[in-house]
Protein backbone atom coordinates (compact mmCIF):
# COMPACT_ATOMS: atom_id res chain seq x y z
CA MET A 1 0.00 0.00 0.00
CA THR A 2 1.26 3.47 -0.87
CA THR A 3 0.08 6.94 -0.01
CA THR A 4 0.93 10.57 -0.78
CA TYR A 5 1.42 13.60 1.38
CA ALA A 6 1.21 17.31 0.67
CA PHE A 7 1.15 20.35 2.89
CA PRO A 8 -0.71 23.23 1.20
CA LEU A 9 1.23 26.45 1.64
CA PRO A 10 -0.45 29.89 1.75
CA PHE A 11 2.29 31.22 -0.54
CA GLY A 12 4.62 29.95 -3.26
CA ALA A 13 3.49 27.78 -6.17
CA GLU A 14 0.46 25.59 -5.43
CA LEU A 15 -1.03 23.25 -8.04
CA GLN A 16 -4.80 23.59 -8.28
CA ALA A 17 -7.49 21.03 -9.11
CA ASP A 18 -8.46 22.92 -12.31
CA GLY A 19 -5.01 22.46 -13.88
CA THR A 20 -3.67 25.88 -12.97
CA THR A 21 -0.97 26.81 -10.51
CA ARG A 22 -1.51 29.63 -8.03
CA PHE A 23 1.57 31.78 -7.42
CA ARG A 24 1.62 33.99 -4.31
CA ILE A 25 4.34 36.11 -2.71
CA TRP A 26 4.64 38.80 -0.05
CA ALA A 27 6.47 41.80 -1.57
CA PRO A 28 5.45 44.87 0.46
CA ASP A 29 8.26 47.10 -0.87
CA VAL A 30 7.07 47.14 -4.48
CA SER A 31 3.88 48.39 -6.14
CA THR A 32 4.01 46.02 -9.11
CA LEU A 33 5.31 42.50 -9.65
CA GLN A 34 5.43 40.14 -12.61
CA LEU A 35 5.57 36.38 -13.04
CA ALA A 36 7.94 34.85 -15.58
CA ILE A 37 7.12 31.31 -16.73
CA GLU A 38 9.95 29.48 -18.50
CA ARG A 39 11.08 31.69 -21.42
CA ASP A 40 7.71 33.39 -21.89
CA ASP A 41 7.32 37.14 -21.43
CA PRO A 42 6.53 38.14 -17.83
CA VAL A 43 2.89 38.81 -16.98
CA PRO A 44 1.57 41.14 -14.26
CA MET A 45 0.51 39.68 -10.94
CA GLN A 46 -2.50 40.95 -9.04
CA PRO A 47 -1.95 42.89 -5.81
CA VAL A 48 -3.99 41.48 -2.94
CA ASN A 49 -4.11 42.17 0.76
CA SER A 50 -1.20 43.49 2.87
CA GLY A 51 1.51 43.59 0.22
CA HIS A 52 0.83 40.20 -1.35
CA PHE A 53 0.74 39.50 -5.08
CA GLU A 54 -1.08 36.56 -6.63
CA LEU A 55 -1.73 34.99 -10.02
CA ALA A 56 -3.12 31.66 -11.23
CA VAL A 57 -2.07 30.41 -14.68
CA PRO A 58 -2.21 27.10 -16.56
CA CYS A 59 0.93 25.35 -15.44
CA ILE A 60 2.14 21.81 -14.66
CA ALA A 61 4.68 20.31 -12.32
CA GLY A 62 8.23 20.77 -13.55
CA THR A 63 7.58 24.27 -14.88
CA ARG A 64 10.34 26.80 -14.17
CA TYR A 65 9.38 30.26 -12.96
CA ALA A 66 10.65 33.45 -11.33
CA PHE A 67 9.27 36.73 -10.06
CA VAL A 68 10.25 39.96 -11.82
CA LEU A 69 10.74 43.15 -9.83
CA PRO A 70 9.89 46.62 -11.24
CA ASP A 71 13.55 47.19 -12.18
CA GLY A 72 13.57 44.00 -14.25
CA GLN A 73 15.50 41.89 -11.76
CA ARG A 74 14.39 38.25 -11.61
CA VAL A 75 14.26 36.63 -8.21
CA PRO A 76 13.44 33.08 -7.09
CA ASP A 77 10.35 32.24 -5.10
CA PRO A 78 11.26 32.54 -1.38
CA ALA A 79 8.94 29.57 -0.81
CA SER A 80 10.31 27.59 -3.74
CA ARG A 81 9.90 23.82 -3.28
CA ALA A 82 12.76 23.21 -5.70
CA GLN A 83 15.36 25.11 -7.70
CA ASP A 84 16.65 24.50 -11.20
CA GLY A 85 20.16 24.76 -9.81
CA GLY A 86 21.03 27.21 -7.02
CA PRO A 87 19.44 30.27 -5.40
CA HIS A 88 20.17 32.52 -8.41
CA ASP A 89 18.37 30.20 -10.81
CA MET A 90 14.67 29.72 -11.55
CA SER A 91 12.29 28.00 -9.16
CA VAL A 92 10.45 24.83 -10.14
CA VAL A 93 6.78 23.92 -9.65
CA ILE A 94 6.53 20.70 -7.65
CA ASP A 95 3.63 18.30 -7.26
CA PRO A 96 4.11 17.02 -3.70
CA ARG A 97 1.59 14.23 -4.33
CA ALA A 98 3.70 12.70 -7.06
CA PHE A 99 5.86 10.73 -4.63
CA ALA A 100 4.32 7.45 -3.47
CA TRP A 101 5.31 6.82 0.14
CA GLN A 102 5.72 3.22 1.23
CA THR A 103 5.73 3.73 5.02
CA HIS A 104 2.19 5.04 5.27
CA GLY A 105 1.71 3.75 8.82
CA TRP A 106 4.80 5.39 10.27
CA ARG A 107 4.12 7.39 13.45
CA GLY A 108 7.67 7.99 14.64
CA ARG A 109 9.25 6.75 17.85
CA PRO A 110 9.08 7.94 21.46
CA TRP A 111 11.80 10.42 22.40
CA GLN A 112 13.36 8.22 25.07
CA GLU A 113 14.29 5.73 22.34
CA ALA A 114 16.40 8.28 20.48
CA VAL A 115 20.06 7.60 19.74
CA ILE A 116 20.90 10.35 17.24
CA TYR A 117 23.46 10.25 14.43
CA GLU A 118 24.34 13.71 13.10
CA LEU A 119 25.53 13.76 9.50
CA HIS A 120 26.31 16.03 6.58
CA VAL A 121 24.40 14.89 3.53
CA GLY A 122 26.99 16.11 1.03
CA ALA A 123 29.89 14.44 2.84
CA LEU A 124 28.06 11.11 2.61
CA GLY A 125 27.29 11.34 -1.10
CA GLY A 126 23.97 13.18 -1.25
CA TYR A 127 20.47 11.91 -0.52
CA ASN A 128 21.12 8.60 -2.28
CA GLY A 129 24.46 8.21 -0.50
CA VAL A 130 22.84 8.59 2.91
CA ARG A 131 20.04 6.24 1.88
CA ALA A 132 22.62 3.58 1.00
CA ARG A 133 24.07 3.91 4.53
CA LEU A 134 20.77 3.25 6.29
CA PRO A 135 21.16 -0.54 6.70
CA TYR A 136 24.56 0.06 8.29
CA LEU A 137 23.08 2.66 10.65
CA ALA A 138 20.24 0.32 11.57
CA GLN A 139 22.79 -2.38 12.38
CA LEU A 140 24.74 0.13 14.47
CA GLY A 141 21.55 0.66 16.46
CA VAL A 142 20.91 4.37 16.00
CA SER A 143 17.24 5.30 16.01
CA ALA A 144 17.47 8.77 14.43
CA ILE A 145 19.58 10.59 11.89
CA GLU A 146 19.94 14.36 12.08
CA LEU A 147 20.59 16.03 8.73
CA MET A 148 22.65 19.21 8.79
CA PRO A 149 20.69 21.96 6.98
CA ILE A 150 19.59 21.09 3.46
CA GLY A 151 17.87 24.33 2.36
CA THR A 152 19.23 25.72 -0.91
CA PHE A 153 22.55 27.57 -0.62
CA GLU A 154 25.09 29.11 -2.98
CA GLY A 155 27.55 26.71 -4.64
CA ARG A 156 27.98 22.95 -4.75
CA HIS A 157 28.80 22.35 -1.09
CA ASN A 158 28.32 24.16 2.18
CA TRP A 159 27.73 23.31 5.83
CA GLY A 160 24.14 24.39 5.17
CA TYR A 161 23.94 27.28 7.61
CA ASP A 162 24.25 29.72 4.69
CA GLY A 163 20.92 28.62 3.22
CA VAL A 164 18.63 31.21 1.63
CA LEU A 165 15.67 29.18 0.34
CA PRO A 166 14.53 27.07 3.31
CA PHE A 167 11.68 25.31 1.48
CA ALA A 168 13.85 24.05 -1.41
CA PRO A 169 16.04 21.02 -0.67
CA GLU A 170 19.57 21.56 -1.98
CA SER A 171 19.66 20.27 -5.56
CA ALA A 172 23.41 19.49 -5.45
CA TYR A 173 22.50 16.58 -3.14
CA GLY A 174 19.80 15.19 -5.42
CA SER A 175 16.14 15.69 -6.30
CA VAL A 176 13.17 16.36 -4.04
CA ASP A 177 11.93 12.83 -4.59
CA GLU A 178 15.36 11.41 -3.72
CA LEU A 179 15.19 13.22 -0.39
CA LYS A 180 11.72 11.80 0.21
CA ALA A 181 12.98 8.35 -0.74
CA LEU A 182 15.75 8.73 1.84
CA ILE A 183 13.25 9.59 4.57
CA ASP A 184 10.88 6.84 3.47
CA ALA A 185 13.71 4.29 3.55
CA ALA A 186 14.82 5.49 6.98
CA HIS A 187 11.33 4.91 8.33
CA ALA A 188 11.34 1.44 6.80
CA GLU A 189 14.49 0.79 8.89
CA ASP A 190 12.69 2.15 12.00
CA ILE A 191 14.96 5.22 11.96
CA MET A 192 13.63 8.71 12.60
CA VAL A 193 14.83 11.69 10.54
CA PHE A 194 15.44 15.10 12.09
CA VAL A 195 16.08 18.13 9.88
CA ASP A 196 18.34 20.94 11.08
CA VAL A 197 16.65 24.28 10.27
CA VAL A 198 18.09 27.79 10.43
CA TYR A 199 15.59 30.41 11.52
CA ASN A 200 18.03 32.97 12.93
CA HIS A 201 19.53 34.35 9.69
CA PHE A 202 19.76 34.01 5.92
CA GLY A 203 22.99 33.28 4.10
CA PRO A 204 25.14 35.99 2.46
CA SER A 205 24.53 35.00 -1.17
CA GLY A 206 21.25 34.40 -2.98
CA ASN A 207 18.98 36.13 -0.47
CA TYR A 208 16.87 38.63 -2.47
CA LEU A 209 14.30 39.41 0.22
CA ALA A 210 15.75 42.85 0.99
CA SER A 211 14.93 43.86 -2.60
CA TYR A 212 11.18 43.55 -2.17
CA ALA A 213 10.37 42.53 1.44
CA SER A 214 12.64 44.51 3.75
CA PRO A 215 10.27 44.03 6.75
CA TYR A 216 11.78 40.55 7.05
CA PHE A 217 14.75 42.21 8.74
CA ASP A 218 15.25 44.16 11.94
CA ARG A 219 17.89 46.66 10.86
CA LYS A 220 18.48 47.82 14.43
CA THR A 221 19.58 44.38 15.58
CA HIS A 222 22.58 42.63 14.11
CA THR A 223 23.82 39.09 14.26
CA PRO A 224 27.23 37.74 13.18
CA TRP A 225 25.53 37.04 9.84
CA GLY A 226 23.95 40.45 9.26
CA ALA A 227 20.61 42.05 10.12
CA ALA A 228 18.41 39.98 12.42
CA ILE A 229 15.09 38.57 11.29
CA ASP A 230 12.08 40.53 12.57
CA PHE A 231 9.73 37.99 14.11
CA ASP A 232 7.37 40.73 15.27
CA GLN A 233 6.09 40.85 11.67
CA PRO A 234 3.11 38.48 11.26
CA CYS A 235 4.08 37.52 7.69
CA VAL A 236 7.61 36.70 8.81
CA ARG A 237 6.36 34.51 11.63
CA GLN A 238 3.99 32.75 9.24
CA TYR A 239 6.83 32.08 6.77
CA PHE A 240 8.93 30.19 9.31
CA VAL A 241 6.03 28.42 11.01
CA GLN A 242 4.88 27.13 7.63
CA ASN A 243 8.42 26.00 6.87
CA ALA A 244 8.51 23.91 10.03
CA LEU A 245 5.13 22.33 9.27
CA TYR A 246 6.18 21.72 5.66
CA TRP A 247 9.17 19.58 6.71
CA LEU A 248 7.07 17.66 9.20
CA PHE A 249 4.04 16.95 7.02
CA GLU A 250 5.17 17.05 3.39
CA PHE A 251 8.56 15.39 3.94
CA ARG A 252 7.46 13.30 6.93
CA ALA A 253 10.41 14.47 9.06
CA ASP A 254 10.15 13.28 12.67
CA GLY A 255 11.51 16.43 14.21
CA LEU A 256 13.49 19.61 13.79
CA ARG A 257 16.73 20.81 15.29
CA LEU A 258 16.58 24.62 15.56
CA ASP A 259 19.98 26.19 15.03
CA ALA A 260 21.17 28.93 17.42
CA VAL A 261 17.85 29.68 19.12
CA HIS A 262 19.67 32.34 21.16
CA ALA A 263 20.27 34.24 17.89
CA ILE A 264 16.58 34.20 16.98
CA GLY A 265 16.18 36.63 19.84
CA ASN A 266 12.45 36.08 20.22
CA ASP A 267 11.45 33.39 22.70
CA ALA A 268 7.77 34.18 22.21
CA PHE A 269 8.06 33.15 18.56
CA VAL A 270 9.87 29.94 19.52
CA GLN A 271 7.13 29.08 22.00
CA ASP A 272 4.41 29.89 19.45
CA LEU A 273 6.18 27.69 16.90
CA ALA A 274 6.28 24.75 19.31
CA THR A 275 2.60 25.23 20.19
CA CYS A 276 1.58 25.40 16.55
CA ILE A 277 3.50 22.20 15.75
CA ARG A 278 1.91 20.39 18.70
CA ASP A 279 -1.57 21.54 17.74
CA GLU A 280 -1.17 20.67 14.06
CA VAL A 281 0.14 17.20 14.84
CA ALA A 282 -2.73 16.58 17.26
CA ALA A 283 -5.27 17.73 14.67
CA ARG A 284 -3.80 15.99 11.60
CA GLU A 285 -2.15 12.85 12.97
CA PRO A 286 -2.98 12.22 16.62
CA GLY A 287 -0.54 9.84 18.22
CA ARG A 288 2.34 10.72 15.92
CA HIS A 289 5.70 11.39 17.62
CA VAL A 290 7.30 14.69 16.59
CA HIS A 291 10.31 16.13 18.43
CA LEU A 292 12.03 19.51 18.75
CA ILE A 293 15.70 20.02 19.58
CA PHE A 294 17.25 23.40 20.32
CA GLU A 295 20.76 24.74 20.20
CA ASN A 296 20.78 27.60 22.72
CA GLU A 297 23.84 29.16 24.31
CA HIS A 298 21.61 30.86 26.88
CA ASN A 299 20.79 27.58 28.66
CA ALA A 300 17.18 28.73 28.88
CA ALA A 301 15.61 25.99 30.97
CA GLY A 302 12.27 27.79 31.06
CA LEU A 303 12.04 27.77 27.28
CA LEU A 304 12.60 24.02 27.25
CA ALA A 305 9.85 23.54 29.81
CA ASN A 306 7.44 25.74 27.85
CA THR A 307 8.08 23.99 24.53
CA SER A 308 8.70 20.39 25.63
CA ALA A 309 11.87 20.53 23.53
CA ALA A 310 15.28 19.06 24.24
CA GLN A 311 18.56 20.92 23.95
CA TRP A 312 22.07 20.12 22.83
CA ASN A 313 23.99 19.97 26.11
CA ASP A 314 27.16 21.89 25.31
CA ASP A 315 28.05 21.91 29.01
CA PHE A 316 28.29 18.11 29.07
CA HIS A 317 30.56 18.19 26.03
CA ASN A 318 32.75 21.08 27.14
CA ALA A 319 33.46 19.69 30.61
CA LEU A 320 34.21 16.21 29.31
CA HIS A 321 36.35 17.58 26.48
CA VAL A 322 38.54 19.46 28.95
CA LEU A 323 38.93 16.28 31.01
CA LEU A 324 39.85 14.22 27.95
CA THR A 325 42.19 16.67 26.22
CA GLY A 326 43.35 19.27 28.74
CA GLU A 327 42.41 22.03 26.30
CA ARG A 328 41.56 25.33 27.98
CA GLN A 329 41.30 27.80 25.11
CA GLY A 330 38.22 29.74 24.04
CA TYR A 331 34.99 28.55 25.62
CA TYR A 332 36.80 25.62 27.21
CA ALA A 333 38.22 28.17 29.64
CA ASP A 334 34.76 28.34 31.24
CA PHE A 335 35.18 24.71 32.36
CA ALA A 336 38.92 24.60 33.02
CA ASP A 337 38.83 25.33 36.76
CA LYS A 338 36.91 22.26 37.93
CA PRO A 339 35.86 20.28 34.84
CA VAL A 340 34.79 17.19 36.77
CA ALA A 341 32.52 19.28 39.00
CA HIS A 342 30.97 20.87 35.91
CA LEU A 343 30.45 17.43 34.40
CA ALA A 344 28.88 16.12 37.60
CA ARG A 345 26.42 19.00 37.62
CA ALA A 346 25.62 18.53 33.93
CA LEU A 347 24.85 14.86 34.57
CA SER A 348 22.75 15.42 37.65
CA GLU A 349 21.02 18.73 36.83
CA GLY A 350 21.29 19.25 33.07
CA PHE A 351 23.25 22.46 32.75
CA ALA A 352 26.58 23.17 34.42
CA TYR A 353 25.93 26.91 34.20
CA GLN A 354 22.59 27.87 35.71
CA GLY A 355 22.95 31.60 36.20
CA GLU A 356 26.57 31.81 37.34
CA ARG A 357 28.77 34.53 35.90
CA VAL A 358 31.02 33.51 33.02
CA GLU A 359 34.15 35.63 33.15
CA ARG A 360 34.89 35.19 29.46
CA LEU A 361 31.47 36.64 28.62
CA GLY A 362 31.36 39.13 31.47
CA LYS A 363 27.81 38.14 32.39
CA PRO A 364 25.74 35.30 33.89
CA ARG A 365 24.74 32.34 31.77
CA GLY A 366 21.89 29.89 32.13
CA GLU A 367 18.89 29.17 34.31
CA PRO A 368 18.21 26.53 37.00
CA SER A 369 17.53 23.25 35.21
CA SER A 370 17.38 20.51 37.85
CA PHE A 371 13.57 20.27 37.49
CA LEU A 372 13.88 19.07 33.90
CA SER A 373 14.01 15.43 32.88
CA PRO A 374 17.43 14.01 31.94
CA ALA A 375 15.92 13.35 28.52
CA SER A 376 15.57 17.12 28.05
CA PHE A 377 19.28 17.16 27.22
CA VAL A 378 21.13 15.80 24.21
CA ALA A 379 24.65 14.74 25.19
CA PHE A 380 27.55 14.27 22.78
CA LEU A 381 31.30 13.93 22.58
CA GLN A 382 31.50 15.46 19.11
CA ASN A 383 29.29 17.30 16.63
CA HIS A 384 29.78 19.33 13.47
CA ASP A 385 30.59 22.51 15.43
CA GLN A 386 32.98 20.98 17.94
CA VAL A 387 34.96 19.31 15.15
CA GLY A 388 34.46 21.65 12.21
CA ASN A 389 35.13 24.88 14.07
CA ARG A 390 38.60 23.69 14.95
CA PRO A 391 41.17 25.15 12.53
CA PHE A 392 41.96 21.79 10.96
CA GLY A 393 38.72 19.94 11.66
CA ASP A 394 40.53 17.36 13.78
CA ARG A 395 38.45 14.85 15.68
CA LEU A 396 38.53 13.98 19.36
CA ILE A 397 40.22 10.62 18.77
CA THR A 398 43.38 12.42 17.64
CA HIS A 399 43.73 14.19 21.01
CA ALA A 400 42.27 11.94 23.69
CA ASN A 401 43.76 8.80 25.20
CA PRO A 402 41.87 5.95 23.45
CA ALA A 403 41.24 4.13 26.75
CA ALA A 404 39.83 7.28 28.35
CA LEU A 405 37.74 7.93 25.26
CA ARG A 406 36.38 4.39 25.46
CA ALA A 407 35.20 5.10 29.01
CA ALA A 408 33.66 8.42 27.94
CA VAL A 409 31.70 6.67 25.18
CA ALA A 410 30.23 4.32 27.79
CA LEU A 411 29.14 7.32 29.87
CA LEU A 412 27.60 8.97 26.81
CA LEU A 413 25.63 5.95 25.64
CA LEU A 414 24.44 4.63 29.01
CA CYS A 415 23.54 7.80 30.91
CA PRO A 416 19.85 8.84 30.73
CA GLN A 417 20.49 11.95 28.65
CA ILE A 418 19.78 11.43 24.94
CA PRO A 419 23.04 10.51 23.17
CA MET A 420 24.17 11.91 19.84
CA LEU A 421 27.03 10.70 17.64
CA PHE A 422 28.78 12.56 14.83
CA MET A 423 29.25 10.64 11.60
CA GLY A 424 32.32 8.44 11.67
CA GLU A 425 33.09 8.62 15.36
CA GLU A 426 31.66 5.14 15.88
CA TRP A 427 34.57 3.56 14.04
CA GLY A 428 37.22 6.00 15.27
CA SER A 429 37.40 7.94 12.03
CA GLU A 430 40.29 10.39 11.81
CA THR A 431 38.95 12.02 8.66
CA PRO A 432 38.75 15.74 9.44
CA PHE A 433 35.53 17.66 9.15
CA LEU A 434 36.61 21.07 7.90
CA PHE A 435 34.70 24.28 7.39
CA PHE A 436 33.82 24.48 3.70
CA THR A 437 31.92 26.78 1.36
CA ASP A 438 31.79 27.23 -2.41
CA TYR A 439 31.85 30.95 -3.03
CA ARG A 440 33.55 33.00 -5.71
CA GLY A 441 35.01 36.50 -5.94
CA ALA A 442 34.77 39.00 -3.11
CA LEU A 443 32.61 36.79 -0.90
CA ALA A 444 35.11 33.95 -1.15
CA ASP A 445 37.90 36.35 -0.21
CA ALA A 446 35.89 37.65 2.75
CA VAL A 447 35.17 34.14 4.06
CA ARG A 448 38.80 33.12 3.64
CA LYS A 449 40.09 36.26 5.35
CA GLY A 450 37.57 36.05 8.17
CA ARG A 451 38.45 32.45 8.91
CA ARG A 452 42.16 33.20 9.08
CA GLU A 453 41.74 36.32 11.20
CA GLU A 454 39.48 34.44 13.62
CA PHE A 455 42.16 31.88 14.45
CA ALA A 456 45.09 34.27 14.24
CA GLN A 457 43.47 36.32 17.01
CA LEU A 458 43.16 33.24 19.22
CA GLY A 459 46.92 32.92 19.51
CA GLY A 460 47.57 29.63 21.25
CA VAL A 461 44.48 27.81 20.08
CA VAL A 462 45.00 24.07 19.89
CA GLY A 463 45.74 22.89 16.37
CA VAL A 464 47.24 26.18 15.16
CA SER A 465 51.00 26.51 15.05
CA ASP A 466 52.87 29.77 14.55
CA GLY A 467 51.64 31.67 11.54
CA PRO A 468 48.25 29.93 11.17
CA SER A 469 46.98 32.32 8.50
CA ALA A 470 49.35 30.77 5.98
CA THR A 471 48.43 27.16 6.66
CA LEU A 472 44.71 27.09 7.37
CA PRO A 473 42.66 25.23 4.74
CA ASP A 474 40.88 27.53 2.31
CA PRO A 475 37.11 26.99 2.87
CA ASN A 476 36.48 27.49 -0.87
CA ASP A 477 39.12 25.09 -2.12
CA PRO A 478 37.34 21.98 -3.49
CA ASP A 479 39.99 19.87 -1.77
CA THR A 480 38.76 21.16 1.61
CA PHE A 481 35.35 19.63 1.00
CA ALA A 482 36.87 16.50 -0.52
CA ALA A 483 39.06 16.00 2.58
CA SER A 484 35.94 16.07 4.77
CA ARG A 485 34.09 13.28 3.00
CA VAL A 486 33.83 10.24 5.23
CA ALA A 487 35.36 7.22 3.51
CA PRO A 488 33.50 3.95 4.21
CA GLY A 489 36.77 2.08 3.60
CA GLU A 490 38.03 3.33 6.95
CA GLN A 491 35.70 0.86 8.65
CA THR A 492 37.63 -2.18 7.45
CA THR A 493 40.59 -1.89 9.83
CA LEU A 494 40.85 -3.93 13.02
CA ALA A 495 40.86 -0.75 15.10
CA ALA A 496 37.69 0.43 13.39
CA GLU A 497 35.99 -2.91 14.02
CA ASP A 498 36.94 -2.70 17.68
CA TRP A 499 35.37 0.75 18.02
CA LEU A 500 32.28 -0.34 16.11
CA SER A 501 31.85 -3.35 18.36
CA TRP A 502 32.07 -1.11 21.42
CA TYR A 503 29.47 1.35 20.13
CA ARG A 504 27.10 -1.39 18.98
CA SER A 505 27.24 -3.25 22.28
CA LEU A 506 26.61 -0.09 24.30
CA ILE A 507 23.71 1.03 22.10
CA GLU A 508 22.17 -2.43 22.43
CA LEU A 509 22.58 -2.27 26.21
CA ARG A 510 20.89 1.08 26.22
CA ARG A 511 18.02 -0.23 24.08
CA THR A 512 17.34 -3.34 26.15
CA ARG A 513 18.24 -2.37 29.72
CA ILE A 514 17.84 1.40 30.04
CA VAL A 515 15.31 2.72 27.50
CA PRO A 516 12.36 0.68 28.89
CA ARG A 517 13.04 2.30 32.29
CA LEU A 518 13.88 5.79 31.03
CA SER A 519 10.53 7.59 30.89
CA GLY A 520 10.18 9.49 34.15
CA ALA A 521 13.79 8.89 35.26
CA THR A 522 15.17 11.36 37.80
CA SER A 523 18.63 12.19 39.05
CA ALA A 524 19.75 10.70 42.36
CA GLY A 525 22.78 12.96 42.47
CA ALA A 526 26.42 12.96 41.39
CA GLU A 527 29.59 13.23 43.42
CA VAL A 528 33.15 14.11 42.55
CA LEU A 529 35.65 11.38 43.45
CA SER A 530 38.83 13.00 42.16
CA PRO A 531 39.87 15.73 39.70
CA ALA A 532 39.10 13.26 36.90
CA ALA A 533 36.52 10.90 38.40
CA LEU A 534 32.88 10.96 39.50
CA CYS A 535 29.90 8.81 40.36
CA ALA A 536 26.42 9.63 39.04
CA ARG A 537 23.12 7.94 39.90
CA TRP A 538 19.60 8.01 38.47
CA ARG A 539 16.35 6.53 39.77
CA LEU A 540 14.57 4.89 36.83
CA ASN A 541 10.83 4.49 36.40
CA ASP A 542 10.66 0.98 37.84
CA GLY A 543 12.48 2.02 41.00
CA SER A 544 15.85 0.61 39.93
CA LEU A 545 19.00 2.67 40.37
CA LEU A 546 21.40 3.26 37.48
CA VAL A 547 24.94 3.95 38.68
CA ILE A 548 27.86 5.13 36.53
CA VAL A 549 31.37 5.49 37.94
CA ILE A 550 33.97 6.93 35.59
CA ASN A 551 37.62 7.92 35.84
CA VAL A 552 39.16 9.44 32.71
CA GLY A 553 42.38 10.32 34.54
CA GLU A 554 45.81 8.77 34.04
CA ARG A 555 45.91 7.34 37.57
CA GLY A 556 43.69 5.04 39.54
CA ILE A 557 42.18 6.15 42.84
CA ALA A 558 41.14 4.50 46.07
CA THR A 559 37.41 4.44 46.81
CA ASP A 560 35.13 3.68 49.72
CA THR A 561 33.92 0.12 49.19
CA GLN A 562 30.84 0.78 51.31
CA ALA A 563 29.74 3.77 49.22
CA LEU A 564 30.85 2.45 45.83
CA HIS A 565 30.27 -1.27 45.68
CA PRO A 566 28.81 -2.62 42.43
CA THR A 567 25.67 -4.55 43.27
CA GLY A 568 22.88 -5.85 41.11
CA VAL A 569 23.69 -6.30 37.42
CA THR A 570 26.90 -4.95 35.94
CA LEU A 571 25.97 -3.62 32.52
CA CYS A 572 29.37 -2.44 31.36
CA GLN A 573 32.96 -2.22 32.49
CA THR A 574 36.12 -0.95 30.88
CA PRO A 575 38.89 -1.98 31.18
CA PRO A 576 38.17 -5.68 31.87
CA GLN A 577 37.75 -6.51 35.57
CA ALA A 578 37.22 -2.85 36.42
CA ALA A 579 34.09 -3.80 38.38
CA ASP A 580 36.01 -6.34 40.50
CA ALA A 581 38.69 -3.75 41.21
CA LEU A 582 36.07 -1.20 42.23
CA ALA A 583 34.48 -3.71 44.59
CA GLU A 584 37.90 -3.99 46.24
CA GLY A 585 38.25 -0.21 46.59
CA ALA A 586 40.22 0.70 43.48
CA LEU A 587 38.85 2.75 40.58
CA ARG A 588 41.29 2.15 37.77
CA ALA A 589 42.61 4.76 35.35
CA HIS A 590 40.49 5.20 32.21
CA ALA A 591 37.71 3.13 33.77
CA CYS A 592 33.96 3.19 33.53
CA VAL A 593 31.74 0.83 35.48
CA VAL A 594 27.95 0.86 35.01
CA TRP A 595 25.52 -1.20 37.01
CA LEU A 596 21.80 -1.44 37.66
CA GLU A 597 20.51 -1.99 41.17
CA GLU A 598 17.10 -3.59 41.04
CA PRO A 599 14.25 -2.17 43.18
CA LEU A 600 14.29 -3.26 46.83
């Protein structure tokens, strides 16, 4: 049995039952607007309410079109479902009902089952390349893939955060139907798909909105990427709300990861967005699981509570990274004083910073978060930012002791926070993930210069030797992107198989022994045992107690056998016999012991 899905948009190109296509756009800065179909002469559009223009003409799917401004400039549809190339090319009429979905009964998976795998579609060979990897990912045990942004951007490759047409999947990765086939195939493998969306800025090339719809932007407020988006404008809010619903209903995505929520600068909009999504899902597909994930440097616990969203837990990563590598530059300085104490608080309460002053920022950061569920936080050892924003895109495995990293992986995958992996880490990949773009001319020069100046100003940043500006990879060099493509052949080595076996066994343990008890889990506290060791406990929903003891330090420590005595079922131990040693009062170096104490 097959079925089709479409989400009617109040703007853009919408096929009609009478064989016409209705074109609609908000262009409040102009008094006239024309529609250009293929190579035909442009025809006037009709002005309608509040700065909108509309026209219905005989037109079929696959037709190319553009809007023509009074000065003759042609611009793409800001709600284009597809582009005939990039953001400077013509838009394409799409029939969303043309794709026959196979997984018509899919309703998603509960959030507590999530083990997320973040990936870059281009680095894995486009939509079809990711689709081909799905059986491997299912065997690994991940239950969700998170796609870095796929909205249309300038050039052939990009991280995706420079997108300018958020409704149009990037054509360099494949067709619209190939993206749908990827999502359909993921669901057939029981894997959720989350789409990373950027609602805090538009990219620097291909964004024509300022030419005809300047109210999109708040010129008084600036972000690192230019003028902020003005979410006080009803049409602007509608544009992004509809985009979120479009991914969820027309592409059957199981959730969205909102990039840099702190840069949106409008928590009321974020809350309204979450409410609208919840209400639409309840009305259209009751019982379907749809999830929201935030990135938010403000550690806004109240926003998570009001939206039922989860958040990337940078504090977990930063504290553990300092412990594993000793790095103290940049934002790692915020965790350098007592990293194990920060990690203990992140495990037991969610955020390490809950309103304390951050000297580097010169202001407080965060809100109290202990009332939130552990599953409100997405924990990770690596992600695209933490790898790709290093000067040479070097991965954690190249800096951390492998035995200590093995223990940290056990903590990540068996603690009640939702774990996330970054593509390739599960087999110990050393392939860098560099910052890459595909710009030309002045913009390419500006990106190249900005990247070099950023790291030159950091001085002693890890990974940059003297004179970094001469050696940093050029983001626009095709070889920079090529060097970041994950090579499946890496997985054939004995070391890779060893890492894969470790990840698979831990994910399976999580699935069978922890996930069924995870809903409603609460922290039972965490204590520091040494500058590199801690013990954390959680009360699970059946009354059992999950205990994790970890020491990522180079030396073992003596422990109190009365307070730390593994009882019940030992789920995991590294190195071998670490549980026996702990029972005798010795927590070995680079050790992690996890056990489950059954209810009394």
